[in-house]
Amino acid sequence: MSIWWSLHLRREAASVPLARRLLLGAMETAGVDPEVSFDLSVALSEACANAVEHGGDGAEGGYSEAYRVTAYLDGEKCRIEVADSGPGFAPRRGRAPAHESEESGRGLCLIEQLADHVHFRSRPGQGAVVSFDKILKWREGALLGVV
């Protein structure tokens, strides 16, 4: 058995904890190990925060005031995708920000550390997509666990 859900959220700070709570609730109900759930929820929060902050401004260039979160739980892994329709970005893969005081890029680095596989796709002028996977561990008696 597998489950998936998709959310269309307004680019507002309050949407970030909402997405995180929905993911945590789904994973707890399914029986995912709490440590794996926590890692994925932090990565999701970072990706959502990026979409909220950098996903564009409705007043500039006609960018959407919304972004999309899709999550798939399927036996062995969870895949999460966060897509916005902002200006896109130049990812800084595998390295921390240039200066400790620099805020930009920390979220993407954290996502890379928490997930098993990460893919950044930027479509200049059309938005960005951050997708990441993590191999799941299951609690004893989990609803969706691998048999």
N, C-alpha and C. Protein backbone atom coordinates (compact mmCIF):
# COMPACT_ATOMS: atom_id res chain seq x y z
N MET A 1 0.83 -1.17 0.00
CA MET A 1 0.00 0.00 0.00
C MET A 1 0.88 1.24 0.00
N SER A 2 0.43 2.28 -0.67
CA SER A 2 1.14 3.55 -0.67
C SER A 2 0.12 4.68 -0.54
N ILE A 3 0.60 5.83 -0.12
CA ILE A 3 -0.26 7.00 -0.04
C ILE A 3 0.48 8.19 -0.63
N TRP A 4 -0.26 9.16 -1.13
CA TRP A 4 0.31 10.41 -1.58
C TRP A 4 -0.70 11.49 -1.35
N TRP A 5 -0.20 12.70 -1.20
CA TRP A 5 -1.07 13.86 -1.07
C TRP A 5 -0.37 15.06 -1.68
N SER A 6 -1.19 16.01 -2.07
CA SER A 6 -0.67 17.23 -2.66
C SER A 6 -1.41 18.42 -2.07
N LEU A 7 -0.66 19.45 -1.72
CA LEU A 7 -1.22 20.66 -1.15
C LEU A 7 -0.88 21.85 -2.04
N HIS A 8 -1.80 22.74 -2.19
CA HIS A 8 -1.54 24.02 -2.83
C HIS A 8 -1.69 25.05 -1.72
N LEU A 9 -0.58 25.70 -1.39
CA LEU A 9 -0.53 26.59 -0.23
C LEU A 9 -0.21 28.01 -0.64
N ARG A 10 -0.77 28.96 0.09
CA ARG A 10 -0.42 30.36 -0.13
C ARG A 10 1.00 30.60 0.36
N ARG A 11 1.69 31.49 -0.30
CA ARG A 11 3.06 31.84 0.10
C ARG A 11 3.01 32.74 1.32
N GLU A 12 2.66 32.13 2.45
CA GLU A 12 2.59 32.82 3.73
C GLU A 12 3.33 31.97 4.75
N ALA A 13 3.94 32.63 5.72
CA ALA A 13 4.74 31.91 6.73
C ALA A 13 3.92 30.84 7.45
N ALA A 14 2.63 31.07 7.67
CA ALA A 14 1.78 30.11 8.39
C ALA A 14 1.61 28.80 7.63
N SER A 15 1.88 28.79 6.34
CA SER A 15 1.73 27.55 5.57
C SER A 15 2.83 26.54 5.87
N VAL A 16 3.99 27.01 6.34
CA VAL A 16 5.13 26.12 6.58
C VAL A 16 4.83 25.12 7.70
N PRO A 17 4.41 25.56 8.90
CA PRO A 17 4.09 24.57 9.94
C PRO A 17 2.88 23.71 9.59
N LEU A 18 1.96 24.24 8.79
CA LEU A 18 0.82 23.43 8.36
C LEU A 18 1.29 22.24 7.53
N ALA A 19 2.14 22.48 6.54
CA ALA A 19 2.67 21.40 5.71
C ALA A 19 3.44 20.40 6.57
N ARG A 20 4.24 20.90 7.50
CA ARG A 20 5.04 20.04 8.37
C ARG A 20 4.14 19.14 9.23
N ARG A 21 3.10 19.73 9.83
CA ARG A 21 2.19 18.94 10.68
C ARG A 21 1.44 17.88 9.88
N LEU A 22 1.03 18.22 8.66
CA LEU A 22 0.35 17.23 7.83
C LEU A 22 1.26 16.05 7.51
N LEU A 23 2.51 16.36 7.17
CA LEU A 23 3.48 15.29 6.88
C LEU A 23 3.71 14.43 8.11
N LEU A 24 3.96 15.06 9.26
CA LEU A 24 4.20 14.31 10.50
C LEU A 24 3.00 13.44 10.87
N GLY A 25 1.80 13.97 10.71
CA GLY A 25 0.59 13.20 11.02
C GLY A 25 0.43 12.00 10.11
N ALA A 26 0.67 12.19 8.82
CA ALA A 26 0.56 11.08 7.87
C ALA A 26 1.60 10.01 8.17
N MET A 27 2.81 10.42 8.49
CA MET A 27 3.88 9.46 8.76
C MET A 27 3.65 8.73 10.08
N GLU A 28 3.15 9.42 11.08
CA GLU A 28 2.85 8.76 12.35
C GLU A 28 1.74 7.74 12.17
N THR A 29 0.69 8.12 11.45
CA THR A 29 -0.42 7.20 11.20
C THR A 29 0.03 5.98 10.41
N ALA A 30 0.90 6.19 9.43
CA ALA A 30 1.39 5.09 8.60
C ALA A 30 2.35 4.18 9.36
N GLY A 31 3.01 4.71 10.41
CA GLY A 31 3.93 3.90 11.19
C GLY A 31 5.40 4.11 10.88
N VAL A 32 5.74 5.27 10.32
CA VAL A 32 7.14 5.57 10.00
C VAL A 32 7.90 5.85 11.30
N ASP A 33 9.14 5.40 11.35
CA ASP A 33 10.02 5.64 12.49
C ASP A 33 10.08 7.14 12.78
N PRO A 34 9.92 7.55 14.05
CA PRO A 34 9.90 8.98 14.38
C PRO A 34 11.15 9.76 13.99
N GLU A 35 12.32 9.14 14.03
CA GLU A 35 13.54 9.84 13.65
C GLU A 35 13.54 10.18 12.16
N VAL A 36 13.10 9.25 11.33
CA VAL A 36 13.00 9.50 9.89
C VAL A 36 11.95 10.57 9.63
N SER A 37 10.81 10.48 10.32
CA SER A 37 9.75 11.48 10.16
C SER A 37 10.26 12.87 10.51
N PHE A 38 11.02 12.97 11.60
CA PHE A 38 11.55 14.27 12.01
C PHE A 38 12.48 14.84 10.94
N ASP A 39 13.41 14.02 10.43
CA ASP A 39 14.34 14.49 9.39
C ASP A 39 13.58 15.01 8.18
N LEU A 40 12.59 14.26 7.73
CA LEU A 40 11.83 14.67 6.56
C LEU A 40 11.01 15.94 6.83
N SER A 41 10.49 16.06 8.05
CA SER A 41 9.69 17.24 8.36
C SER A 41 10.55 18.51 8.41
N VAL A 42 11.79 18.39 8.89
CA VAL A 42 12.70 19.54 8.90
C VAL A 42 13.07 19.92 7.46
N ALA A 43 13.38 18.92 6.64
CA ALA A 43 13.71 19.18 5.23
C ALA A 43 12.52 19.83 4.52
N LEU A 44 11.31 19.33 4.78
CA LEU A 44 10.11 19.92 4.17
C LEU A 44 9.94 21.37 4.63
N SER A 45 10.14 21.63 5.91
CA SER A 45 10.02 23.00 6.42
C SER A 45 10.99 23.94 5.71
N GLU A 46 12.21 23.49 5.49
CA GLU A 46 13.21 24.32 4.80
C GLU A 46 12.80 24.59 3.35
N ALA A 47 12.32 23.55 2.67
CA ALA A 47 11.90 23.72 1.28
C ALA A 47 10.69 24.66 1.18
N CYS A 48 9.74 24.51 2.09
CA CYS A 48 8.57 25.39 2.09
C CYS A 48 8.97 26.83 2.42
N ALA A 49 9.85 27.00 3.40
CA ALA A 49 10.31 28.35 3.76
C ALA A 49 10.98 29.02 2.56
N ASN A 50 11.75 28.26 1.79
CA ASN A 50 12.36 28.81 0.58
C ASN A 50 11.30 29.24 -0.43
N ALA A 51 10.27 28.42 -0.61
CA ALA A 51 9.20 28.77 -1.55
C ALA A 51 8.46 30.02 -1.10
N VAL A 52 8.23 30.13 0.20
CA VAL A 52 7.54 31.31 0.73
C VAL A 52 8.39 32.56 0.54
N GLU A 53 9.67 32.45 0.88
CA GLU A 53 10.54 33.63 0.84
C GLU A 53 10.99 34.00 -0.57
N HIS A 54 11.31 33.00 -1.38
CA HIS A 54 11.92 33.27 -2.68
C HIS A 54 11.04 32.91 -3.87
N GLY A 55 9.83 32.46 -3.63
CA GLY A 55 8.98 31.97 -4.72
C GLY A 55 8.39 33.03 -5.60
N GLY A 56 8.79 34.27 -5.43
CA GLY A 56 8.31 35.35 -6.27
C GLY A 56 7.35 36.24 -5.52
N ASP A 57 6.98 37.30 -6.14
CA ASP A 57 6.07 38.27 -5.56
C ASP A 57 5.00 38.56 -6.60
N GLY A 58 3.76 38.40 -6.20
CA GLY A 58 2.65 38.62 -7.12
C GLY A 58 2.67 39.97 -7.78
N ALA A 59 3.29 40.97 -7.12
CA ALA A 59 3.35 42.31 -7.69
C ALA A 59 4.44 42.44 -8.74
N GLU A 60 5.41 41.53 -8.72
CA GLU A 60 6.54 41.62 -9.64
C GLU A 60 6.53 40.44 -10.61
N GLY A 61 6.35 40.71 -11.86
CA GLY A 61 6.47 39.68 -12.86
C GLY A 61 5.31 38.69 -12.92
N GLY A 62 4.26 38.91 -12.16
CA GLY A 62 3.09 38.05 -12.23
C GLY A 62 3.26 36.69 -11.60
N TYR A 63 4.22 36.51 -10.70
CA TYR A 63 4.43 35.21 -10.06
C TYR A 63 3.24 34.87 -9.17
N SER A 64 2.99 33.61 -9.05
CA SER A 64 1.87 33.12 -8.26
C SER A 64 2.08 33.38 -6.77
N GLU A 65 0.99 33.54 -6.07
CA GLU A 65 1.03 33.71 -4.63
C GLU A 65 0.91 32.36 -3.93
N ALA A 66 1.08 31.26 -4.66
CA ALA A 66 0.94 29.92 -4.08
C ALA A 66 2.14 29.06 -4.46
N TYR A 67 2.28 27.96 -3.75
CA TYR A 67 3.26 26.95 -4.08
C TYR A 67 2.64 25.58 -3.81
N ARG A 68 3.27 24.52 -4.31
CA ARG A 68 2.71 23.18 -4.21
C ARG A 68 3.66 22.26 -3.47
N VAL A 69 3.09 21.42 -2.59
CA VAL A 69 3.84 20.38 -1.88
C VAL A 69 3.18 19.05 -2.22
N THR A 70 3.98 18.09 -2.65
CA THR A 70 3.48 16.75 -2.93
C THR A 70 4.35 15.76 -2.18
N ALA A 71 3.72 14.80 -1.51
CA ALA A 71 4.47 13.78 -0.76
C ALA A 71 3.96 12.40 -1.14
N TYR A 72 4.88 11.46 -1.31
CA TYR A 72 4.56 10.08 -1.64
C TYR A 72 5.22 9.19 -0.59
N LEU A 73 4.45 8.32 0.03
CA LEU A 73 5.00 7.29 0.91
C LEU A 73 4.70 5.96 0.25
N ASP A 74 5.74 5.22 -0.07
CA ASP A 74 5.54 3.98 -0.80
C ASP A 74 6.51 2.92 -0.29
N GLY A 75 6.07 2.10 0.62
CA GLY A 75 6.85 0.98 1.12
C GLY A 75 8.25 1.28 1.57
N GLU A 76 9.14 1.52 0.64
CA GLU A 76 10.55 1.69 0.96
C GLU A 76 10.99 3.13 1.15
N LYS A 77 10.30 4.08 0.54
CA LYS A 77 10.80 5.45 0.62
C LYS A 77 9.68 6.47 0.63
N CYS A 78 10.09 7.68 0.98
CA CYS A 78 9.22 8.84 0.90
C CYS A 78 9.86 9.82 -0.06
N ARG A 79 9.08 10.37 -0.96
CA ARG A 79 9.55 11.42 -1.87
C ARG A 79 8.69 12.64 -1.64
N ILE A 80 9.35 13.77 -1.50
CA ILE A 80 8.66 15.03 -1.29
C ILE A 80 9.12 16.01 -2.36
N GLU A 81 8.17 16.78 -2.88
CA GLU A 81 8.48 17.77 -3.90
C GLU A 81 7.80 19.08 -3.51
N VAL A 82 8.57 20.17 -3.57
CA VAL A 82 8.04 21.50 -3.31
C VAL A 82 8.33 22.34 -4.56
N ALA A 83 7.28 22.88 -5.16
CA ALA A 83 7.41 23.64 -6.41
C ALA A 83 6.77 25.01 -6.26
N ASP A 84 7.48 26.02 -6.75
CA ASP A 84 6.91 27.37 -6.76
C ASP A 84 6.97 27.90 -8.19
N SER A 85 6.42 29.08 -8.39
CA SER A 85 6.45 29.67 -9.73
C SER A 85 7.16 31.01 -9.72
N GLY A 86 8.17 31.12 -8.87
CA GLY A 86 8.95 32.35 -8.75
C GLY A 86 10.04 32.46 -9.80
N PRO A 87 11.06 33.25 -9.51
CA PRO A 87 12.11 33.52 -10.50
C PRO A 87 13.14 32.41 -10.66
N GLY A 88 13.09 31.35 -9.84
CA GLY A 88 14.09 30.30 -9.90
C GLY A 88 15.29 30.70 -9.05
N PHE A 89 16.32 29.85 -9.02
CA PHE A 89 17.50 30.11 -8.21
C PHE A 89 18.69 29.36 -8.76
N ALA A 90 19.85 29.75 -8.30
CA ALA A 90 21.10 29.06 -8.66
C ALA A 90 21.51 28.25 -7.45
N PRO A 91 21.27 26.93 -7.43
CA PRO A 91 21.59 26.12 -6.26
C PRO A 91 23.08 26.08 -5.96
N ARG A 92 23.38 25.96 -4.67
CA ARG A 92 24.77 25.87 -4.20
C ARG A 92 24.96 24.48 -3.63
N ARG A 93 24.96 23.49 -4.45
CA ARG A 93 24.98 22.09 -4.02
C ARG A 93 26.25 21.74 -3.27
N GLY A 94 26.02 21.01 -2.15
CA GLY A 94 27.11 20.39 -1.44
C GLY A 94 28.05 21.31 -0.70
N ARG A 95 27.70 22.57 -0.58
CA ARG A 95 28.60 23.45 0.15
C ARG A 95 27.80 24.45 0.96
N ALA A 96 28.37 24.82 2.05
CA ALA A 96 27.72 25.78 2.94
C ALA A 96 27.82 27.18 2.35
N PRO A 97 27.07 28.13 2.90
CA PRO A 97 27.21 29.51 2.44
C PRO A 97 28.66 29.97 2.58
N ALA A 98 29.05 30.95 1.78
CA ALA A 98 30.43 31.41 1.75
C ALA A 98 30.89 31.96 3.10
N HIS A 99 30.03 32.61 3.83
CA HIS A 99 30.38 33.17 5.13
C HIS A 99 29.39 32.65 6.17
N GLU A 100 29.88 32.43 7.40
CA GLU A 100 29.01 31.92 8.46
C GLU A 100 27.80 32.81 8.68
N SER A 101 27.97 34.12 8.52
CA SER A 101 26.88 35.05 8.74
C SER A 101 25.88 35.06 7.59
N GLU A 102 26.23 34.46 6.46
CA GLU A 102 25.37 34.44 5.29
C GLU A 102 24.20 33.48 5.50
N GLU A 103 23.00 33.99 5.34
CA GLU A 103 21.80 33.18 5.55
C GLU A 103 21.43 32.38 4.31
N SER A 104 21.63 32.94 3.14
CA SER A 104 21.21 32.31 1.90
C SER A 104 21.94 30.99 1.67
N GLY A 105 21.20 29.95 1.34
CA GLY A 105 21.79 28.66 1.01
C GLY A 105 21.80 27.67 2.15
N ARG A 106 21.57 28.10 3.38
CA ARG A 106 21.61 27.18 4.52
C ARG A 106 20.50 26.12 4.43
N GLY A 107 19.31 26.52 4.03
CA GLY A 107 18.20 25.58 3.95
C GLY A 107 18.46 24.46 2.95
N LEU A 108 19.01 24.82 1.79
CA LEU A 108 19.29 23.80 0.77
C LEU A 108 20.36 22.83 1.25
N CYS A 109 21.37 23.35 1.96
CA CYS A 109 22.42 22.48 2.51
C CYS A 109 21.83 21.54 3.55
N LEU A 110 20.93 22.04 4.38
CA LEU A 110 20.29 21.21 5.40
C LEU A 110 19.45 20.10 4.76
N ILE A 111 18.71 20.44 3.72
CA ILE A 111 17.93 19.43 3.01
C ILE A 111 18.85 18.33 2.49
N GLU A 112 19.98 18.70 1.91
CA GLU A 112 20.94 17.71 1.40
C GLU A 112 21.46 16.81 2.50
N GLN A 113 21.62 17.34 3.71
CA GLN A 113 22.13 16.54 4.82
C GLN A 113 21.07 15.59 5.39
N LEU A 114 19.82 15.97 5.33
CA LEU A 114 18.75 15.18 5.95
C LEU A 114 18.15 14.13 5.03
N ALA A 115 18.24 14.33 3.73
CA ALA A 115 17.63 13.40 2.77
C ALA A 115 18.69 12.49 2.16
N ASP A 116 18.24 11.38 1.57
CA ASP A 116 19.15 10.45 0.91
C ASP A 116 19.47 10.88 -0.52
N HIS A 117 18.52 11.51 -1.18
CA HIS A 117 18.71 11.95 -2.56
C HIS A 117 17.97 13.27 -2.72
N VAL A 118 18.63 14.27 -3.29
CA VAL A 118 18.03 15.59 -3.47
C VAL A 118 18.22 16.02 -4.91
N HIS A 119 17.19 16.65 -5.46
CA HIS A 119 17.27 17.18 -6.82
C HIS A 119 16.71 18.60 -6.81
N PHE A 120 17.51 19.55 -7.29
CA PHE A 120 17.08 20.93 -7.43
C PHE A 120 16.89 21.21 -8.91
N ARG A 121 15.76 21.78 -9.25
CA ARG A 121 15.50 22.15 -10.65
C ARG A 121 15.03 23.59 -10.66
N SER A 122 15.75 24.42 -11.35
CA SER A 122 15.37 25.82 -11.47
C SER A 122 14.96 26.10 -12.90
N ARG A 123 13.84 26.75 -13.01
CA ARG A 123 13.34 27.15 -14.32
C ARG A 123 13.26 28.68 -14.30
N PRO A 124 14.34 29.38 -14.68
CA PRO A 124 14.37 30.83 -14.58
C PRO A 124 13.10 31.48 -15.13
N GLY A 125 12.50 32.29 -14.28
CA GLY A 125 11.26 32.98 -14.65
C GLY A 125 10.01 32.12 -14.52
N GLN A 126 10.17 30.83 -14.28
CA GLN A 126 9.02 29.92 -14.17
C GLN A 126 8.94 29.22 -12.83
N GLY A 127 9.97 29.33 -12.02
CA GLY A 127 9.92 28.74 -10.69
C GLY A 127 11.03 27.75 -10.43
N ALA A 128 10.93 27.16 -9.25
CA ALA A 128 11.93 26.19 -8.81
C ALA A 128 11.21 24.98 -8.23
N VAL A 129 11.88 23.83 -8.32
CA VAL A 129 11.36 22.60 -7.73
C VAL A 129 12.49 21.98 -6.91
N VAL A 130 12.18 21.67 -5.66
CA VAL A 130 13.10 20.95 -4.79
C VAL A 130 12.44 19.62 -4.49
N SER A 131 13.08 18.52 -4.86
CA SER A 131 12.53 17.20 -4.53
C SER A 131 13.60 16.41 -3.80
N PHE A 132 13.13 15.60 -2.84
CA PHE A 132 14.07 14.81 -2.05
C PHE A 132 13.40 13.52 -1.60
N ASP A 133 14.25 12.49 -1.46
CA ASP A 133 13.81 11.15 -1.06
C ASP A 133 14.54 10.76 0.22
N LYS A 134 13.90 9.87 0.95
CA LYS A 134 14.56 9.26 2.11
C LYS A 134 14.02 7.84 2.24
N ILE A 135 14.94 6.90 2.47
CA ILE A 135 14.55 5.52 2.73
C ILE A 135 13.85 5.48 4.08
N LEU A 136 12.72 4.79 4.13
CA LEU A 136 11.92 4.75 5.35
C LEU A 136 12.28 3.59 6.25
N LYS A 137 12.17 3.83 7.53
CA LYS A 137 12.23 2.78 8.55
C LYS A 137 10.85 2.76 9.18
N TRP A 138 10.41 1.58 9.57
CA TRP A 138 9.04 1.44 10.08
C TRP A 138 9.02 0.98 11.53
N ARG A 139 8.02 1.44 12.25
CA ARG A 139 7.78 0.94 13.60
C ARG A 139 7.16 -0.45 13.50
N GLU A 140 7.27 -1.22 14.56
CA GLU A 140 6.64 -2.55 14.63
C GLU A 140 5.13 -2.39 14.44
N GLY A 141 4.54 -3.20 13.57
CA GLY A 141 3.10 -3.18 13.32
C GLY A 141 2.63 -2.01 12.47
N ALA A 142 3.51 -1.38 11.71
CA ALA A 142 3.16 -0.22 10.90
C ALA A 142 2.13 -0.59 9.84
N LEU A 143 1.25 0.37 9.55
CA LEU A 143 0.21 0.16 8.54
C LEU A 143 0.76 -0.04 7.13
N LEU A 144 1.77 0.74 6.76
CA LEU A 144 2.29 0.70 5.38
C LEU A 144 3.64 0.03 5.26
N GLY A 145 4.21 -0.41 6.35
CA GLY A 145 5.56 -0.96 6.31
C GLY A 145 5.75 -2.07 5.29
N VAL A 146 6.97 -2.24 4.85
CA VAL A 146 7.31 -3.28 3.88
C VAL A 146 7.12 -4.64 4.55
N VAL A 147 6.43 -5.52 3.86
CA VAL A 147 6.15 -6.86 4.40
C VAL A 147 7.27 -7.81 4.06
